[in-house]
Amino acid sequence: MSFQTTPGWLAFHPSPSQPQFRLPPGAVDAHCHVFGPGAQFPFAPERKYTPCDASCEQLFALRDRLGFARNVIVQATCHGSDNRALVDALQRSGGRARGVATVKRGVTDGELEAMHAAGVRGARFNFVRRLVDFTPKDELLEIAQRIAPLGWHVVVYFEAVDLPQLTDFFTALPTTVVVDHMGRPDVASGVDGPEFALFLALLREHPNIWSKVSCPERLSATGPPARDGERSAYRDVLPFARRIVETFPDRVLWGTDWPHPNLKDHMPDDGLLVDFVPHIAATPELQRRLLVDNPMRLYWPEEWPPRGD
């Protein structure tokens, strides 16, 4: 089966640069995706976009090039609740990947157990209207209650303007809750603006809520470096990510977001994205928590802490 990509679709960077920042041993890329390949894993009929193929083999090659040890693969909205491409990638990873699936109300206990055996450790609830149609909250709460006994968590994706209407729901969930991309703050409003203050209050008041400090390329108004060789990209996002990392060091995750779906103006260099990390996690201790300790205890708790610690 062949698929025509969405007009204007930007393919992922063909040859990302080698990062100058050396990742700590055991680092985890805690937010990335696989697309298809469409001939093997067809895209969902209800999808809002059609991407290029981005296989697990390409993802694992990027993992090795950048210096990561493991991946957390998040189900892409273009595949809907058909998690076969995700499960296939997990099974091919040799235990070096865990997954976050999309789960609907009709899922059976046997299907949940099979996904768990493959390495799924969370379910994603998407509240971004341009990407999916909202699932009723009562259905999502039912799903959360079913996955909680497996030790899974919930990942939520929303935009900052919608947080006031979602807070009560998020705080009622019976699991750890991981927020994608800092809740997509409007960086033009400033790090001390009211929207970001509301998000920080949510984290402060609810210790089961975590945040990914990923995707500066989606949030930035200034964009990537203007000159070849400049490594400090997306400067206007730095204060937001740094504030979260320094305030909640044990509840933060970071990932590349490869292959960067739905970007409209530029495709980031994944090597530059890795070089973003020391600007938001300034010390080796913060870098280790962000990239190793936190993702390991959330996704590989059976291996954490290592023996001897």
C-alpha atoms as a PDB file:
ATOM      1  CA  MET A   1       0.000   0.000   0.000  1.00  0.00           C
ATOM      2  CA  SER A   2       1.370   3.422  -0.964  1.00  0.00           C
ATOM      3  CA  PHE A   3       0.652   6.717   0.800  1.00  0.00           C
ATOM      4  CA  GLN A   4       1.058  10.268  -0.425  1.00  0.00           C
ATOM      5  CA  THR A   5       2.577  12.463   2.260  1.00  0.00           C
ATOM      6  CA  THR A   6       0.773  15.590   3.380  1.00  0.00           C
ATOM      7  CA  PRO A   7       1.608  18.502   1.029  1.00  0.00           C
ATOM      8  CA  GLY A   8       4.583  20.453   2.331  1.00  0.00           C
ATOM      9  CA  TRP A   9       5.674  17.624   4.619  1.00  0.00           C
ATOM     10  CA  LEU A  10       9.266  18.043   5.787  1.00  0.00           C
ATOM     11  CA  ALA A  11      11.342  14.860   5.867  1.00  0.00           C
ATOM     12  CA  PHE A  12      13.691  14.323   8.783  1.00  0.00           C
ATOM     13  CA  HIS A  13      17.294  15.538   8.575  1.00  0.00           C
ATOM     14  CA  PRO A  14      19.226  13.139   6.303  1.00  0.00           C
ATOM     15  CA  SER A  15      22.579  13.533   8.073  1.00  0.00           C
ATOM     16  CA  PRO A  16      22.405  15.058  11.554  1.00  0.00           C
ATOM     17  CA  SER A  17      25.637  16.456  12.942  1.00  0.00           C
ATOM     18  CA  GLN A  18      27.649  14.815  15.679  1.00  0.00           C
ATOM     19  CA  PRO A  19      26.787  16.475  19.004  1.00  0.00           C
ATOM     20  CA  GLN A  20      29.509  18.345  20.801  1.00  0.00           C
ATOM     21  CA  PHE A  21      27.867  17.522  24.137  1.00  0.00           C
ATOM     22  CA  ARG A  22      28.833  14.057  25.303  1.00  0.00           C
ATOM     23  CA  LEU A  23      25.816  12.278  26.701  1.00  0.00           C
ATOM     24  CA  PRO A  24      26.218  10.512  30.055  1.00  0.00           C
ATOM     25  CA  PRO A  25      26.500   6.717  29.844  1.00  0.00           C
ATOM     26  CA  GLY A  26      23.096   5.087  29.649  1.00  0.00           C
ATOM     27  CA  ALA A  27      21.303   8.176  28.299  1.00  0.00           C
ATOM     28  CA  VAL A  28      17.717   7.684  27.106  1.00  0.00           C
ATOM     29  CA  ASP A  29      16.005   9.494  24.235  1.00  0.00           C
ATOM     30  CA  ALA A  30      12.654   9.585  26.028  1.00  0.00           C
ATOM     31  CA  HIS A  31      10.443  10.926  23.228  1.00  0.00           C
ATOM     32  CA  CYS A  32      10.627   9.708  19.625  1.00  0.00           C
ATOM     33  CA  HIS A  33       8.386   8.019  17.075  1.00  0.00           C
ATOM     34  CA  VAL A  34       8.267   5.530  14.223  1.00  0.00           C
ATOM     35  CA  PHE A  35       6.100   5.996  11.122  1.00  0.00           C
ATOM     36  CA  GLY A  36       5.155   2.840   9.258  1.00  0.00           C
ATOM     37  CA  PRO A  37       6.698   1.866   6.987  1.00  0.00           C
ATOM     38  CA  GLY A  38       3.275   2.421   5.482  1.00  0.00           C
ATOM     39  CA  ALA A  39       3.468  -0.643   3.240  1.00  0.00           C
ATOM     40  CA  GLN A  40       3.812  -2.825   6.336  1.00  0.00           C
ATOM     41  CA  PHE A  41       1.949  -0.801   8.957  1.00  0.00           C
ATOM     42  CA  PRO A  42      -0.753   1.287   7.241  1.00  0.00           C
ATOM     43  CA  PHE A  43      -1.630   4.697   8.598  1.00  0.00           C
ATOM     44  CA  ALA A  44      -5.009   5.192  10.273  1.00  0.00           C
ATOM     45  CA  PRO A  45      -7.935   6.213   8.035  1.00  0.00           C
ATOM     46  CA  GLU A  46      -8.907   8.973  10.513  1.00  0.00           C
ATOM     47  CA  ARG A  47      -5.396  10.502  10.616  1.00  0.00           C
ATOM     48  CA  LYS A  48      -4.975  14.273  10.326  1.00  0.00           C
ATOM     49  CA  TYR A  49      -1.655  13.979   8.439  1.00  0.00           C
ATOM     50  CA  THR A  50       0.298  11.453   6.385  1.00  0.00           C
ATOM     51  CA  PRO A  51       4.022  11.376   7.153  1.00  0.00           C
ATOM     52  CA  CYS A  52       7.011   9.989   5.349  1.00  0.00           C
ATOM     53  CA  ASP A  53       8.165   6.538   6.435  1.00  0.00           C
ATOM     54  CA  ALA A  54      10.507   6.591   9.427  1.00  0.00           C
ATOM     55  CA  SER A  55      11.478   3.056  10.380  1.00  0.00           C
ATOM     56  CA  CYS A  56      12.765   1.653  13.638  1.00  0.00           C
ATOM     57  CA  GLU A  57      16.022   0.776  11.891  1.00  0.00           C
ATOM     58  CA  GLN A  58      16.515   4.454  11.065  1.00  0.00           C
ATOM     59  CA  LEU A  59      15.612   5.426  14.621  1.00  0.00           C
ATOM     60  CA  PHE A  60      18.103   2.989  16.122  1.00  0.00           C
ATOM     61  CA  ALA A  61      20.820   4.206  13.747  1.00  0.00           C
ATOM     62  CA  LEU A  62      20.159   7.759  14.975  1.00  0.00           C
ATOM     63  CA  ARG A  63      20.261   6.534  18.573  1.00  0.00           C
ATOM     64  CA  ASP A  64      23.740   5.146  18.017  1.00  0.00           C
ATOM     65  CA  ARG A  65      24.978   8.192  16.099  1.00  0.00           C
ATOM     66  CA  LEU A  66      23.907  10.630  18.805  1.00  0.00           C
ATOM     67  CA  GLY A  67      25.206   8.459  21.637  1.00  0.00           C
ATOM     68  CA  PHE A  68      22.000   7.331  23.335  1.00  0.00           C
ATOM     69  CA  ALA A  69      21.728   3.898  24.909  1.00  0.00           C
ATOM     70  CA  ARG A  70      17.921   3.551  24.780  1.00  0.00           C
ATOM     71  CA  ASN A  71      14.704   4.985  23.366  1.00  0.00           C
ATOM     72  CA  VAL A  72      11.164   5.607  24.541  1.00  0.00           C
ATOM     73  CA  ILE A  73       8.960   5.380  21.458  1.00  0.00           C
ATOM     74  CA  VAL A  74       5.645   7.233  21.587  1.00  0.00           C
ATOM     75  CA  GLN A  75       2.742   6.122  19.411  1.00  0.00           C
ATOM     76  CA  ALA A  76       2.211   8.617  16.586  1.00  0.00           C
ATOM     77  CA  THR A  77      -1.275  10.014  15.983  1.00  0.00           C
ATOM     78  CA  CYS A  78      -1.053   9.046  12.300  1.00  0.00           C
ATOM     79  CA  HIS A  79      -1.309   5.389  13.399  1.00  0.00           C
ATOM     80  CA  GLY A  80      -4.308   6.005  15.659  1.00  0.00           C
ATOM     81  CA  SER A  81      -4.810   3.181  18.150  1.00  0.00           C
ATOM     82  CA  ASP A  82      -3.170   0.602  15.869  1.00  0.00           C
ATOM     83  CA  ASN A  83       0.024   0.066  17.845  1.00  0.00           C
ATOM     84  CA  ARG A  84       1.557  -2.594  15.597  1.00  0.00           C
ATOM     85  CA  ALA A  85       4.395  -0.390  14.296  1.00  0.00           C
ATOM     86  CA  LEU A  86       5.246   0.612  17.869  1.00  0.00           C
ATOM     87  CA  VAL A  87       5.176  -2.968  19.155  1.00  0.00           C
ATOM     88  CA  ASP A  88       7.291  -4.156  16.228  1.00  0.00           C
ATOM     89  CA  ALA A  89       9.908  -1.498  17.002  1.00  0.00           C
ATOM     90  CA  LEU A  90       9.985  -2.495  20.673  1.00  0.00           C
ATOM     91  CA  GLN A  91      10.410  -6.149  19.799  1.00  0.00           C
ATOM     92  CA  ARG A  92      13.267  -5.315  17.431  1.00  0.00           C
ATOM     93  CA  SER A  93      15.069  -3.164  19.987  1.00  0.00           C
ATOM     94  CA  GLY A  94      16.590  -5.989  21.988  1.00  0.00           C
ATOM     95  CA  GLY A  95      15.188  -4.535  25.208  1.00  0.00           C
ATOM     96  CA  ARG A  96      16.659  -1.094  24.504  1.00  0.00           C
ATOM     97  CA  ALA A  97      13.300   0.578  23.902  1.00  0.00           C
ATOM     98  CA  ARG A  98      10.092   1.065  25.837  1.00  0.00           C
ATOM     99  CA  GLY A  99       6.837   2.386  24.454  1.00  0.00           C
ATOM    100  CA  VAL A 100       3.853   4.654  25.045  1.00  0.00           C
ATOM    101  CA  ALA A 101       0.738   3.418  23.237  1.00  0.00           C
ATOM    102  CA  THR A 102      -2.608   4.867  22.231  1.00  0.00           C
ATOM    103  CA  VAL A 103      -5.363   2.849  23.893  1.00  0.00           C
ATOM    104  CA  LYS A 104      -9.095   2.919  23.247  1.00  0.00           C
ATOM    105  CA  ARG A 105     -11.931   1.752  25.481  1.00  0.00           C
ATOM    106  CA  GLY A 106     -12.426  -1.510  23.564  1.00  0.00           C
ATOM    107  CA  VAL A 107      -8.931  -2.829  24.264  1.00  0.00           C
ATOM    108  CA  THR A 108      -8.948  -6.266  25.901  1.00  0.00           C
ATOM    109  CA  ASP A 109      -6.961  -7.305  28.960  1.00  0.00           C
ATOM    110  CA  GLY A 110      -5.067  -9.732  26.747  1.00  0.00           C
ATOM    111  CA  GLU A 111      -4.080  -6.924  24.370  1.00  0.00           C
ATOM    112  CA  LEU A 112      -2.859  -4.790  27.260  1.00  0.00           C
ATOM    113  CA  GLU A 113      -0.820  -7.694  28.630  1.00  0.00           C
ATOM    114  CA  ALA A 114       0.704  -8.377  25.201  1.00  0.00           C
ATOM    115  CA  MET A 115       1.715  -4.738  24.831  1.00  0.00           C
ATOM    116  CA  HIS A 116       3.204  -4.794  28.322  1.00  0.00           C
ATOM    117  CA  ALA A 117       5.238  -7.882  27.425  1.00  0.00           C
ATOM    118  CA  ALA A 118       6.533  -6.065  24.341  1.00  0.00           C
ATOM    119  CA  GLY A 119       7.674  -3.113  26.453  1.00  0.00           C
ATOM    120  CA  VAL A 120       4.786  -0.634  26.547  1.00  0.00           C
ATOM    121  CA  ARG A 121       4.766   1.284  29.816  1.00  0.00           C
ATOM    122  CA  GLY A 122       2.320   4.119  29.213  1.00  0.00           C
ATOM    123  CA  ALA A 123      -0.725   5.386  27.333  1.00  0.00           C
ATOM    124  CA  ARG A 124      -0.902   8.759  25.613  1.00  0.00           C
ATOM    125  CA  PHE A 125      -3.936  11.047  25.761  1.00  0.00           C
ATOM    126  CA  ASN A 126      -3.835  13.748  23.097  1.00  0.00           C
ATOM    127  CA  PHE A 127      -5.774  16.996  23.587  1.00  0.00           C
ATOM    128  CA  VAL A 128      -4.382  18.950  20.626  1.00  0.00           C
ATOM    129  CA  ARG A 129      -7.419  19.519  18.439  1.00  0.00           C
ATOM    130  CA  ARG A 130      -5.525  19.945  15.187  1.00  0.00           C
ATOM    131  CA  LEU A 131      -4.061  16.435  15.583  1.00  0.00           C
ATOM    132  CA  VAL A 132      -6.938  14.330  16.920  1.00  0.00           C
ATOM    133  CA  ASP A 133     -10.578  14.456  17.834  1.00  0.00           C
ATOM    134  CA  PHE A 134     -10.963  14.631  21.607  1.00  0.00           C
ATOM    135  CA  THR A 135     -11.768  11.376  23.380  1.00  0.00           C
ATOM    136  CA  PRO A 136     -14.391  11.827  26.133  1.00  0.00           C
ATOM    137  CA  LYS A 137     -12.738  12.269  29.517  1.00  0.00           C
ATOM    138  CA  ASP A 138     -14.806   9.521  31.125  1.00  0.00           C
ATOM    139  CA  GLU A 139     -13.410   7.072  28.592  1.00  0.00           C
ATOM    140  CA  LEU A 140      -9.852   8.257  29.255  1.00  0.00           C
ATOM    141  CA  LEU A 141     -10.350   7.919  33.019  1.00  0.00           C
ATOM    142  CA  GLU A 142     -11.606   4.368  32.515  1.00  0.00           C
ATOM    143  CA  ILE A 143      -8.501   3.556  30.456  1.00  0.00           C
ATOM    144  CA  ALA A 144      -6.236   5.082  33.104  1.00  0.00           C
ATOM    145  CA  GLN A 145      -7.862   2.940  35.783  1.00  0.00           C
ATOM    146  CA  ARG A 146      -7.293  -0.184  33.683  1.00  0.00           C
ATOM    147  CA  ILE A 147      -3.612   0.489  32.976  1.00  0.00           C
ATOM    148  CA  ALA A 148      -2.727   1.555  36.524  1.00  0.00           C
ATOM    149  CA  PRO A 149      -2.412  -2.059  37.822  1.00  0.00           C
ATOM    150  CA  LEU A 150       0.185  -2.697  35.101  1.00  0.00           C
ATOM    151  CA  GLY A 151       2.319   0.108  36.512  1.00  0.00           C
ATOM    152  CA  TRP A 152       1.830   2.197  33.370  1.00  0.00           C
ATOM    153  CA  HIS A 153       1.644   5.985  33.403  1.00  0.00           C
ATOM    154  CA  VAL A 154      -0.328   8.461  31.306  1.00  0.00           C
ATOM    155  CA  VAL A 155       1.305  10.880  28.870  1.00  0.00           C
ATOM    156  CA  VAL A 156      -0.736  13.987  28.042  1.00  0.00           C
ATOM    157  CA  TYR A 157      -0.261  16.347  25.107  1.00  0.00           C
ATOM    158  CA  PHE A 158      -2.029  19.711  25.156  1.00  0.00           C
ATOM    159  CA  GLU A 159      -1.472  23.393  24.483  1.00  0.00           C
ATOM    160  CA  ALA A 160      -0.992  25.914  27.281  1.00  0.00           C
ATOM    161  CA  VAL A 161      -4.201  27.804  26.588  1.00  0.00           C
ATOM    162  CA  ASP A 162      -6.226  24.648  27.357  1.00  0.00           C
ATOM    163  CA  LEU A 163      -4.612  23.822  30.705  1.00  0.00           C
ATOM    164  CA  PRO A 164      -7.264  25.538  32.905  1.00  0.00           C
ATOM    165  CA  GLN A 165      -9.956  23.282  31.422  1.00  0.00           C
ATOM    166  CA  LEU A 166      -7.818  20.133  31.817  1.00  0.00           C
ATOM    167  CA  THR A 167      -6.248  20.534  35.263  1.00  0.00           C
ATOM    168  CA  ASP A 168      -9.032  18.838  37.233  1.00  0.00           C
ATOM    169  CA  PHE A 169      -8.937  15.853  34.901  1.00  0.00           C
ATOM    170  CA  PHE A 170      -5.157  15.496  35.018  1.00  0.00           C
ATOM    171  CA  THR A 171      -5.056  15.643  38.793  1.00  0.00           C
ATOM    172  CA  ALA A 172      -7.786  12.985  39.084  1.00  0.00           C
ATOM    173  CA  LEU A 173      -5.821  10.380  37.114  1.00  0.00           C
ATOM    174  CA  PRO A 174      -4.694   7.388  39.229  1.00  0.00           C
ATOM    175  CA  THR A 175      -1.226   7.167  37.670  1.00  0.00           C
ATOM    176  CA  THR A 176       1.926   9.147  37.185  1.00  0.00           C
ATOM    177  CA  VAL A 177       1.205  11.800  34.535  1.00  0.00           C
ATOM    178  CA  VAL A 178       3.892  12.940  32.088  1.00  0.00           C
ATOM    179  CA  VAL A 179       3.276  16.197  30.203  1.00  0.00           C
ATOM    180  CA  ASP A 180       4.666  16.445  26.686  1.00  0.00           C
ATOM    181  CA  HIS A 181       6.881  19.404  25.773  1.00  0.00           C
ATOM    182  CA  MET A 182       6.340  21.560  28.884  1.00  0.00           C
ATOM    183  CA  GLY A 183       2.655  21.929  28.065  1.00  0.00           C
ATOM    184  CA  ARG A 184       3.593  23.938  24.953  1.00  0.00           C
ATOM    185  CA  PRO A 185       4.085  27.364  26.572  1.00  0.00           C
ATOM    186  CA  ASP A 186       3.844  30.558  24.550  1.00  0.00           C
ATOM    187  CA  VAL A 187       7.471  31.665  24.853  1.00  0.00           C
ATOM    188  CA  ALA A 188       6.536  35.187  23.752  1.00  0.00           C
ATOM    189  CA  SER A 189       4.689  35.590  27.072  1.00  0.00           C
ATOM    190  CA  GLY A 190       7.913  35.160  29.006  1.00  0.00           C
ATOM    191  CA  VAL A 191       9.042  32.660  31.596  1.00  0.00           C
ATOM    192  CA  ASP A 192       7.298  34.643  34.334  1.00  0.00           C
ATOM    193  CA  GLY A 193       4.020  34.949  32.424  1.00  0.00           C
ATOM    194  CA  PRO A 194       0.699  33.690  33.840  1.00  0.00           C
ATOM    195  CA  GLU A 195       0.320  30.653  31.562  1.00  0.00           C
ATOM    196  CA  PHE A 196       3.687  29.190  32.466  1.00  0.00           C
ATOM    197  CA  ALA A 197       3.145  30.075  36.122  1.00  0.00           C
ATOM    198  CA  LEU A 198      -0.026  27.958  36.046  1.00  0.00           C
ATOM    199  CA  PHE A 199       1.927  25.028  34.644  1.00  0.00           C
ATOM    200  CA  LEU A 200       4.646  25.362  37.282  1.00  0.00           C
ATOM    201  CA  ALA A 201       1.964  25.467  39.974  1.00  0.00           C
ATOM    202  CA  LEU A 202       0.503  22.231  38.611  1.00  0.00           C
ATOM    203  CA  LEU A 203       3.891  20.525  38.951  1.00  0.00           C
ATOM    204  CA  ARG A 204       4.537  22.038  42.363  1.00  0.00           C
ATOM    205  CA  GLU A 205       1.193  20.999  43.837  1.00  0.00           C
ATOM    206  CA  HIS A 206       1.020  17.502  42.311  1.00  0.00           C
ATOM    207  CA  PRO A 207       4.185  15.435  42.765  1.00  0.00           C
ATOM    208  CA  ASN A 208       2.902  12.660  40.491  1.00  0.00           C
ATOM    209  CA  ILE A 209       3.089  15.003  37.462  1.00  0.00           C
ATOM    210  CA  TRP A 210       6.283  15.047  35.380  1.00  0.00           C
ATOM    211  CA  SER A 211       7.297  17.130  32.362  1.00  0.00           C
ATOM    212  CA  LYS A 212       9.262  16.526  29.204  1.00  0.00           C
ATOM    213  CA  VAL A 213      11.513  19.493  28.434  1.00  0.00           C
ATOM    214  CA  SER A 214      11.713  18.553  24.769  1.00  0.00           C
ATOM    215  CA  CYS A 215      10.830  20.094  21.405  1.00  0.00           C
ATOM    216  CA  PRO A 216      12.355  23.587  21.536  1.00  0.00           C
ATOM    217  CA  GLU A 217      12.019  23.586  17.745  1.00  0.00           C
ATOM    218  CA  ARG A 218       8.211  23.553  18.140  1.00  0.00           C
ATOM    219  CA  LEU A 219       8.108  26.314  20.732  1.00  0.00           C
ATOM    220  CA  SER A 220      10.755  28.755  19.551  1.00  0.00           C
ATOM    221  CA  ALA A 221      10.001  32.073  17.873  1.00  0.00           C
ATOM    222  CA  THR A 222      13.698  32.750  17.165  1.00  0.00           C
ATOM    223  CA  GLY A 223      14.309  29.384  15.541  1.00  0.00           C
ATOM    224  CA  PRO A 224      17.511  27.490  14.807  1.00  0.00           C
ATOM    225  CA  PRO A 225      21.014  29.006  14.614  1.00  0.00           C
ATOM    226  CA  ALA A 226      21.455  31.648  11.967  1.00  0.00           C
ATOM    227  CA  ARG A 227      25.075  30.737  11.208  1.00  0.00           C
ATOM    228  CA  ASP A 228      26.779  27.479  10.360  1.00  0.00           C
ATOM    229  CA  GLY A 229      28.774  26.235  13.315  1.00  0.00           C
ATOM    230  CA  GLU A 230      26.665  27.994  15.966  1.00  0.00           C
ATOM    231  CA  ARG A 231      25.504  25.334  18.403  1.00  0.00           C
ATOM    232  CA  SER A 232      23.207  27.246  20.752  1.00  0.00           C
ATOM    233  CA  ALA A 233      19.806  26.954  19.090  1.00  0.00           C
ATOM    234  CA  TYR A 234      16.313  28.013  20.161  1.00  0.00           C
ATOM    235  CA  ARG A 235      17.551  30.463  22.797  1.00  0.00           C
ATOM    236  CA  ASP A 236      14.095  31.800  23.663  1.00  0.00           C
ATOM    237  CA  VAL A 237      13.012  28.378  24.947  1.00  0.00           C
ATOM    238  CA  LEU A 238      16.017  27.915  27.242  1.00  0.00           C
ATOM    239  CA  PRO A 239      14.615  29.802  30.286  1.00  0.00           C
ATOM    240  CA  PHE A 240      11.439  27.698  30.299  1.00  0.00           C
ATOM    241  CA  ALA A 241      13.181  24.343  30.142  1.00  0.00           C
ATOM    242  CA  ARG A 242      15.898  25.427  32.575  1.00  0.00           C
ATOM    243  CA  ARG A 243      13.300  26.576  35.126  1.00  0.00           C
ATOM    244  CA  ILE A 244      11.574  23.181  35.066  1.00  0.00           C
ATOM    245  CA  VAL A 245      14.802  21.164  35.208  1.00  0.00           C
ATOM    246  CA  GLU A 246      16.194  23.131  38.137  1.00  0.00           C
ATOM    247  CA  THR A 247      12.915  23.220  40.074  1.00  0.00           C
ATOM    248  CA  PHE A 248      11.783  19.629  39.503  1.00  0.00           C
ATOM    249  CA  PRO A 249      15.012  17.715  38.742  1.00  0.00           C
ATOM    250  CA  ASP A 250      13.543  14.298  39.606  1.00  0.00           C
ATOM    251  CA  ARG A 251      10.479  14.678  37.353  1.00  0.00           C
ATOM    252  CA  VAL A 252      11.891  15.709  33.991  1.00  0.00           C
ATOM    253  CA  LEU A 253      12.563  13.820  30.766  1.00  0.00           C
ATOM    254  CA  TRP A 254      14.115  14.792  27.439  1.00  0.00           C
ATOM    255  CA  GLY A 255      13.802  13.434  23.909  1.00  0.00           C
ATOM    256  CA  THR A 256      14.577  14.299  20.312  1.00  0.00           C
ATOM    257  CA  ASP A 257      10.996  13.972  18.981  1.00  0.00           C
ATOM    258  CA  TRP A 258      12.508  12.307  15.888  1.00  0.00           C
ATOM    259  CA  PRO A 259      11.332  12.305  13.093  1.00  0.00           C
ATOM    260  CA  HIS A 260       9.767  15.642  14.062  1.00  0.00           C
ATOM    261  CA  PRO A 261       6.220  15.355  12.679  1.00  0.00           C
ATOM    262  CA  ASN A 262       4.245  18.323  11.407  1.00  0.00           C
ATOM    263  CA  LEU A 263       6.979  20.956  11.457  1.00  0.00           C
ATOM    264  CA  LYS A 264       6.226  23.665   8.914  1.00  0.00           C
ATOM    265  CA  ASP A 265       9.258  25.944   8.568  1.00  0.00           C
ATOM    266  CA  HIS A 266      12.440  23.940   9.174  1.00  0.00           C
ATOM    267  CA  MET A 267      13.668  20.491  10.049  1.00  0.00           C
ATOM    268  CA  PRO A 268      16.003  20.436  13.060  1.00  0.00           C
ATOM    269  CA  ASP A 269      19.442  18.902  13.151  1.00  0.00           C
ATOM    270  CA  ASP A 270      19.235  16.258  15.897  1.00  0.00           C
ATOM    271  CA  GLY A 271      22.861  16.861  16.818  1.00  0.00           C
ATOM    272  CA  LEU A 272      22.007  20.485  17.583  1.00  0.00           C
ATOM    273  CA  LEU A 273      19.073  19.354  19.686  1.00  0.00           C
ATOM    274  CA  VAL A 274      21.386  17.236  21.827  1.00  0.00           C
ATOM    275  CA  ASP A 275      23.626  20.280  22.252  1.00  0.00           C
ATOM    276  CA  PHE A 276      20.580  22.056  23.712  1.00  0.00           C
ATOM    277  CA  VAL A 277      20.764  19.816  26.789  1.00  0.00           C
ATOM    278  CA  PRO A 278      23.685  21.402  28.705  1.00  0.00           C
ATOM    279  CA  HIS A 279      22.013  24.801  28.342  1.00  0.00           C
ATOM    280  CA  ILE A 280      18.952  23.564  30.269  1.00  0.00           C
ATOM    281  CA  ALA A 281      20.712  21.107  32.611  1.00  0.00           C
ATOM    282  CA  ALA A 282      23.879  22.926  33.538  1.00  0.00           C
ATOM    283  CA  THR A 283      25.591  20.417  35.811  1.00  0.00           C
ATOM    284  CA  PRO A 284      26.577  16.771  35.344  1.00  0.00           C
ATOM    285  CA  GLU A 285      24.192  15.833  38.156  1.00  0.00           C
ATOM    286  CA  LEU A 286      21.207  17.500  36.476  1.00  0.00           C
ATOM    287  CA  GLN A 287      22.194  15.976  33.129  1.00  0.00           C
ATOM    288  CA  ARG A 288      22.365  12.509  34.658  1.00  0.00           C
ATOM    289  CA  ARG A 289      18.952  12.880  36.306  1.00  0.00           C
ATOM    290  CA  LEU A 290      17.344  14.210  33.125  1.00  0.00           C
ATOM    291  CA  LEU A 291      18.830  11.695  30.714  1.00  0.00           C
ATOM    292  CA  VAL A 292      19.504   8.570  32.774  1.00  0.00           C
ATOM    293  CA  ASP A 293      18.041   8.355  36.281  1.00  0.00           C
ATOM    294  CA  ASN A 294      14.535   9.640  35.598  1.00  0.00           C
ATOM    295  CA  PRO A 295      13.757   7.722  32.383  1.00  0.00           C
ATOM    296  CA  MET A 296      15.296   4.540  33.782  1.00  0.00           C
ATOM    297  CA  ARG A 297      13.211   4.502  36.956  1.00  0.00           C
ATOM    298  CA  LEU A 298      10.047   5.328  35.002  1.00  0.00           C
ATOM    299  CA  TYR A 299      10.521   2.928  32.062  1.00  0.00           C
ATOM    300  CA  TRP A 300      13.005   0.304  33.316  1.00  0.00           C
ATOM    301  CA  PRO A 301      12.317   0.227  37.091  1.00  0.00           C
ATOM    302  CA  GLU A 302      13.345  -3.434  37.232  1.00  0.00           C
ATOM    303  CA  GLU A 303      16.880  -2.344  36.252  1.00  0.00           C
ATOM    304  CA  TRP A 304      17.053   0.750  38.455  1.00  0.00           C
ATOM    305  CA  PRO A 305      18.986   1.488  40.511  1.00  0.00           C
ATOM    306  CA  PRO A 306      21.848  -0.592  39.129  1.00  0.00           C
ATOM    307  CA  ARG A 307      23.279  -3.272  41.353  1.00  0.00           C
ATOM    308  CA  GLY A 308      25.744  -1.854  43.809  1.00  0.00           C
ATOM    309  CA  ASP A 309      23.945   1.515  44.101  1.00  0.00           C
END
